[in-house]
Amino acid sequence: MPFRLITSAFEEGGSIPKLYTCEGADVSPSLEWSDEPRDTKSYALIADDPDAPAGAWNHWLLWDIPASVHALAQGFKPGKLAVSGANDFGKPGYGGPCPPRGHGPHRYFFKIYALDVESLNLRGGARRADLDRALRGHILAQSQYMGRYERK
């Protein structure tokens, strides 16, 4: 089986419930992954919105997730596990979907990367460009899960 990422919070390609957005409790959905490559030493997670008006908007950056971990609980808080980067809201951890009203539905991609190193040696609070550079040459496999959200 290929490396895969799933959530029970919403169907693949389906609508993201308000609970996980800026119009709700703004908590992260639970995520689970499986069938990673045998040589995986850690994971990294990126959640982004490629449909944002100013270009891709980063909602969640997390890395140095230990290889023994295969799930994140709903409402994950930074600081207890792994290293959190700064999302494009300027905060660590998860920031839920919050597209401009009337902009139509946006797609939100949750991406998990299986890595060949235990640590990316990247400081907490780093931004997406820093994480992208650190990931280069270390990705063994990746998987993604997509949901949609629209503010009316």
Protein backbone atom coordinates (compact mmCIF):
# COMPACT_ATOMS: atom_id res chain seq x y z
CA MET A 1 0.00 0.00 0.00
CA PRO A 2 1.20 3.52 -0.68
CA PHE A 3 1.84 6.03 2.09
CA ARG A 4 -1.50 7.58 2.98
CA LEU A 5 -3.05 10.33 5.07
CA ILE A 6 -6.66 10.31 6.30
CA THR A 7 -9.01 12.14 8.63
CA SER A 8 -12.39 11.16 10.00
CA ALA A 9 -13.33 14.87 10.22
CA PHE A 10 -14.48 15.15 6.58
CA GLU A 11 -14.46 13.19 3.33
CA GLU A 12 -11.60 13.51 0.84
CA GLY A 13 -12.52 16.46 -1.39
CA GLY A 14 -15.53 17.22 0.81
CA SER A 15 -16.57 20.21 2.84
CA ILE A 16 -14.54 21.01 5.97
CA PRO A 17 -16.90 21.40 8.96
CA LYS A 18 -17.12 24.89 10.48
CA LEU A 19 -15.59 23.55 13.75
CA TYR A 20 -12.16 23.50 12.06
CA THR A 21 -12.40 27.04 10.62
CA CYS A 22 -12.14 30.66 11.72
CA GLU A 23 -15.94 30.71 11.88
CA GLY A 24 -15.96 27.85 14.39
CA ALA A 25 -13.63 26.73 17.17
CA ASP A 26 -10.62 26.93 14.81
CA VAL A 27 -9.22 23.59 16.04
CA SER A 28 -7.20 21.23 13.89
CA PRO A 29 -8.86 18.07 12.61
CA SER A 30 -7.50 14.72 13.71
CA LEU A 31 -5.09 13.21 11.19
CA GLU A 32 -3.75 9.67 10.77
CA TRP A 33 -1.13 8.28 8.41
CA SER A 34 0.09 4.79 7.57
CA ASP A 35 2.15 2.65 5.21
CA GLU A 36 5.19 4.91 5.39
CA PRO A 37 8.52 3.75 3.90
CA ARG A 38 10.50 1.42 6.17
CA ASP A 39 13.40 3.89 6.49
CA THR A 40 11.25 6.77 7.77
CA LYS A 41 12.91 8.61 10.67
CA SER A 42 10.45 11.51 11.11
CA TYR A 43 7.53 13.33 9.50
CA ALA A 44 6.67 16.87 8.49
CA LEU A 45 3.18 18.30 7.95
CA ILE A 46 2.06 21.26 5.86
CA ALA A 47 -1.53 22.48 5.48
CA ASP A 48 -2.11 25.18 2.90
CA ASP A 49 -4.66 26.92 0.68
CA PRO A 50 -3.41 27.34 -2.91
CA ASP A 51 -6.55 29.32 -3.81
CA ALA A 52 -5.82 32.31 -1.55
CA PRO A 53 -5.96 35.65 -3.44
CA ALA A 54 -2.30 36.54 -2.72
CA GLY A 55 -0.97 33.03 -3.44
CA ALA A 56 -0.68 29.91 -1.30
CA TRP A 57 -1.62 30.58 2.35
CA ASN A 58 0.02 28.37 4.98
CA HIS A 59 -2.31 27.20 7.72
CA TRP A 60 -0.08 24.73 9.59
CA LEU A 61 3.63 23.88 9.59
CA LEU A 62 4.93 21.06 11.80
CA TRP A 63 8.12 19.00 11.59
CA ASP A 64 10.37 16.62 13.53
CA ILE A 65 7.33 14.47 14.27
CA PRO A 66 8.86 11.23 15.59
CA ALA A 67 8.66 8.17 13.33
CA SER A 68 6.75 6.33 16.08
CA VAL A 69 3.84 8.80 15.80
CA HIS A 70 1.10 8.01 13.27
CA ALA A 71 -1.67 10.40 14.31
CA LEU A 72 -2.40 13.87 15.60
CA ALA A 73 -5.47 14.37 17.76
CA GLN A 74 -8.14 16.95 17.04
CA GLY A 75 -7.17 20.29 18.56
CA PHE A 76 -3.40 19.64 18.43
CA LYS A 77 -1.48 22.25 20.44
CA PRO A 78 2.09 23.29 19.57
CA GLY A 79 4.92 22.58 21.97
CA LYS A 80 4.08 19.07 23.15
CA LEU A 81 5.25 17.09 20.14
CA ALA A 82 7.45 18.09 17.22
CA VAL A 83 8.41 21.62 16.17
CA SER A 84 5.85 24.18 14.99
CA GLY A 85 6.46 26.81 12.37
CA ALA A 86 4.68 30.12 11.99
CA ASN A 87 1.57 29.91 9.85
CA ASP A 88 0.62 32.84 7.63
CA PHE A 89 -1.57 34.22 10.42
CA GLY A 90 1.77 34.78 12.21
CA LYS A 91 1.15 32.19 14.92
CA PRO A 92 2.52 28.74 15.74
CA GLY A 93 0.28 25.76 15.19
CA TYR A 94 -2.94 25.43 13.25
CA GLY A 95 -4.97 28.29 11.80
CA GLY A 96 -8.12 27.06 10.14
CA PRO A 97 -9.69 27.90 6.80
CA CYS A 98 -10.79 31.52 6.59
CA PRO A 99 -11.12 32.53 2.93
CA PRO A 100 -12.46 35.96 2.01
CA ARG A 101 -16.26 36.12 1.98
CA GLY A 102 -17.69 35.72 -1.49
CA HIS A 103 -14.41 34.38 -2.90
CA GLY A 104 -15.92 30.96 -3.59
CA PRO A 105 -14.77 27.62 -2.23
CA HIS A 106 -11.07 27.18 -1.48
CA ARG A 107 -9.16 23.91 -1.41
CA TYR A 108 -7.17 23.04 1.72
CA PHE A 109 -4.41 20.47 1.36
CA PHE A 110 -3.05 18.60 4.37
CA LYS A 111 0.30 17.11 3.30
CA ILE A 112 2.41 14.63 5.24
CA TYR A 113 6.04 13.91 4.37
CA ALA A 114 8.01 10.83 5.45
CA LEU A 115 11.62 11.91 5.97
CA ASP A 116 15.01 10.19 6.10
CA VAL A 117 16.26 12.28 9.06
CA GLU A 118 15.14 12.47 12.70
CA SER A 119 15.45 16.26 12.73
CA LEU A 120 15.45 18.98 10.10
CA ASN A 121 17.47 21.16 12.50
CA LEU A 122 15.07 24.02 11.90
CA ARG A 123 14.12 26.44 14.68
CA GLY A 124 10.57 26.75 15.92
CA GLY A 125 8.64 29.59 14.33
CA ALA A 126 10.32 29.16 10.95
CA ARG A 127 8.30 30.08 7.88
CA ARG A 128 7.28 27.96 4.88
CA ALA A 129 10.25 28.91 2.68
CA ASP A 130 12.63 27.76 5.43
CA LEU A 131 10.75 24.48 5.81
CA ASP A 132 10.73 23.89 2.05
CA ARG A 133 14.52 24.37 1.95
CA ALA A 134 15.04 22.03 4.93
CA LEU A 135 12.89 19.32 3.31
CA ARG A 136 14.94 19.22 0.10
CA GLY A 137 16.68 15.89 -0.34
CA HIS A 138 15.00 14.31 2.72
CA ILE A 139 11.54 13.30 1.46
CA LEU A 140 11.06 9.53 1.14
CA ALA A 141 7.32 9.73 0.42
CA GLN A 142 4.42 12.11 0.70
CA SER A 143 0.66 11.94 0.85
CA GLN A 144 -2.12 14.49 1.01
CA TYR A 145 -5.77 14.90 1.90
CA MET A 146 -7.90 17.74 0.60
CA GLY A 147 -11.01 19.47 1.89
CA ARG A 148 -12.96 22.53 0.76
CA TYR A 149 -14.36 25.51 2.59
CA GLU A 150 -16.26 28.64 1.58
CA ARG A 151 -17.33 31.63 3.66
CA LYS A 152 -20.63 33.00 2.41
